[in-house]
């Protein structure tokens, strides 16, 4: 999710896009090394990237769009992923880690729709 925020912004190639992409990657790796099963170490990179994205949208309101419904589908899959994530925190009820697995499935689905919504595709044939 954190890396996808750079795609949502449609930044031109250059220093800012690279700094955002690699800076967010370093932040995620550092927090996951600090505590891979810690809820706070999972939420800090996500919340930080969403704050950066909200700040960007406030400065560039033309980027606030749903990309032909793909962003809405991605948000729906992401909501399902977060439900599975929080249910998977209770190891006594999720002994086989099924909810943890569904977290990955739904986040992968969300990333698919988010990326699909950001990629410009030609409209003509040929």
Protein backbone atom coordinates (compact mmCIF):
# COMPACT_ATOMS: atom_id res chain seq x y z
CA UNK A 1 0.00 0.00 0.00
CA UNK A 2 2.73 2.42 0.94
CA UNK A 3 4.54 1.99 -2.39
CA UNK A 4 1.29 2.42 -4.36
CA UNK A 5 0.78 5.93 -3.01
CA UNK A 6 3.52 7.10 -5.39
CA UNK A 7 1.53 5.69 -8.30
CA UNK A 8 -1.62 7.48 -7.17
CA UNK A 9 0.17 10.82 -7.31
CA UNK A 10 1.14 10.53 -10.99
CA UNK A 11 4.39 12.36 -10.30
CA UNK A 12 6.67 12.93 -13.29
CA UNK A 13 9.92 10.92 -13.33
CA UNK A 14 12.61 12.58 -11.31
CA UNK A 15 13.94 13.24 -7.86
CA UNK A 16 10.63 13.66 -6.00
CA UNK A 17 9.11 10.44 -7.32
CA UNK A 18 12.27 8.44 -6.58
CA UNK A 19 12.61 9.96 -3.10
CA UNK A 20 8.99 9.14 -2.29
CA UNK A 21 9.24 5.59 -3.62
CA UNK A 22 12.54 4.66 -2.00
CA UNK A 23 11.90 6.62 1.18
CA UNK A 24 8.62 4.81 1.73
CA UNK A 25 10.31 1.45 1.03
CA UNK A 26 13.05 2.15 3.57
CA UNK A 27 10.45 3.24 6.14
CA UNK A 28 8.45 0.01 5.69
CA UNK A 29 11.55 -2.21 5.92
CA UNK A 30 12.80 -0.43 9.05
CA UNK A 31 9.46 -0.70 10.84
CA UNK A 32 9.00 -4.33 9.83
CA UNK A 33 12.48 -5.16 11.13
CA UNK A 34 11.67 -3.33 14.36
CA UNK A 35 8.52 -5.37 14.99
CA UNK A 36 7.11 -7.60 12.22
CA UNK A 37 4.03 -8.61 14.26
CA UNK A 38 3.58 -5.29 16.03
CA UNK A 39 0.40 -3.47 15.09
CA UNK A 40 1.98 -0.06 15.58
CA UNK A 41 4.91 -0.97 13.28
CA UNK A 42 2.38 -1.93 10.61
CA UNK A 43 0.18 1.13 10.98
CA UNK A 44 2.84 3.87 11.14
CA UNK A 45 4.04 3.45 7.50
CA UNK A 46 0.45 3.14 6.23
CA UNK A 47 -0.80 6.21 8.09
CA UNK A 48 2.30 8.20 7.13
CA UNK A 49 1.86 7.44 3.45
CA UNK A 50 -1.85 8.30 3.57
CA UNK A 51 -1.03 11.63 5.25
CA UNK A 52 1.46 12.40 2.47
CA UNK A 53 -1.17 11.46 -0.12
CA UNK A 54 -3.84 13.61 1.55
CA UNK A 55 -1.40 16.54 1.63
CA UNK A 56 -0.69 16.00 -2.07
CA UNK A 57 -4.42 15.89 -2.90
CA UNK A 58 -5.02 19.11 -1.00
CA UNK A 59 -2.32 20.81 -3.06
CA UNK A 60 -3.44 19.16 -6.36
CA UNK A 61 -7.22 18.65 -6.32
CA UNK A 62 -7.25 17.59 -10.00
CA UNK A 63 -5.74 14.25 -8.95
CA UNK A 64 -8.77 13.41 -6.80
CA UNK A 65 -10.58 10.92 -9.00
CA UNK A 66 -11.63 7.28 -8.89
CA UNK A 67 -9.94 6.17 -12.12
CA UNK A 68 -13.07 4.67 -13.74
CA UNK A 69 -14.10 2.73 -10.65
CA UNK A 70 -10.82 0.87 -10.17
CA UNK A 71 -9.93 2.91 -7.10
CA UNK A 72 -13.36 2.16 -5.58
CA UNK A 73 -12.87 -1.57 -6.19
CA UNK A 74 -9.42 -1.34 -4.66
CA UNK A 75 -10.76 0.45 -1.59
CA UNK A 76 -13.41 -2.26 -1.17
CA UNK A 77 -10.77 -5.01 -1.35
CA UNK A 78 -8.57 -3.06 1.05
CA UNK A 79 -11.44 -2.77 3.55
CA UNK A 80 -11.87 -6.56 3.41
CA UNK A 81 -8.10 -6.93 3.88
CA UNK A 82 -8.12 -4.77 7.01
CA UNK A 83 -10.99 -6.79 8.47
CA UNK A 84 -8.97 -9.97 7.88
CA UNK A 85 -5.86 -8.32 9.30
CA UNK A 86 -7.54 -7.39 12.57
CA UNK A 87 -9.27 -10.78 12.88
CA UNK A 88 -5.92 -12.45 12.27
CA UNK A 89 -4.35 -10.71 15.25
CA UNK A 90 -6.15 -13.13 17.59
CA UNK A 91 -3.94 -16.20 17.27
CA UNK A 92 -6.22 -18.36 19.43
CA UNK A 93 -9.12 -17.99 16.99
CA UNK A 94 -6.95 -18.08 13.86
CA UNK A 95 -4.62 -20.95 14.67
CA UNK A 96 -4.10 -21.84 11.00
CA UNK A 97 -3.48 -18.21 9.99
CA UNK A 98 -6.36 -18.25 7.50
CA UNK A 99 -7.25 -14.61 8.16
CA UNK A 100 -3.60 -13.66 7.78
CA UNK A 101 -3.56 -15.41 4.40
CA UNK A 102 -6.75 -13.64 3.31
CA UNK A 103 -5.14 -10.34 4.34
CA UNK A 104 -2.48 -10.98 1.70
CA UNK A 105 -5.05 -12.10 -0.90
CA UNK A 106 -7.26 -9.05 -0.46
CA UNK A 107 -4.31 -6.61 -0.32
CA UNK A 108 -2.95 -8.15 -3.53
CA UNK A 109 -6.38 -7.65 -5.11
CA UNK A 110 -6.50 -4.06 -3.87
CA UNK A 111 -3.02 -3.35 -5.28
CA UNK A 112 -4.10 -4.83 -8.61
CA UNK A 113 -7.04 -2.44 -8.86
CA UNK A 114 -5.04 0.54 -7.56
CA UNK A 115 -2.29 -0.07 -10.11
CA UNK A 116 -4.81 -0.72 -12.89
CA UNK A 117 -6.49 2.57 -12.06
CA UNK A 118 -3.21 4.47 -12.36
CA UNK A 119 -1.93 2.96 -15.59
CA UNK A 120 -2.85 4.94 -18.69
CA UNK A 121 -4.04 2.61 -21.43
CA UNK A 122 -4.56 3.53 -25.08
CA UNK A 123 -8.21 3.66 -26.09
CA UNK A 124 -7.79 2.74 -29.77
CA UNK A 125 -7.02 -0.63 -31.30
CA UNK A 126 -3.73 -1.25 -32.98
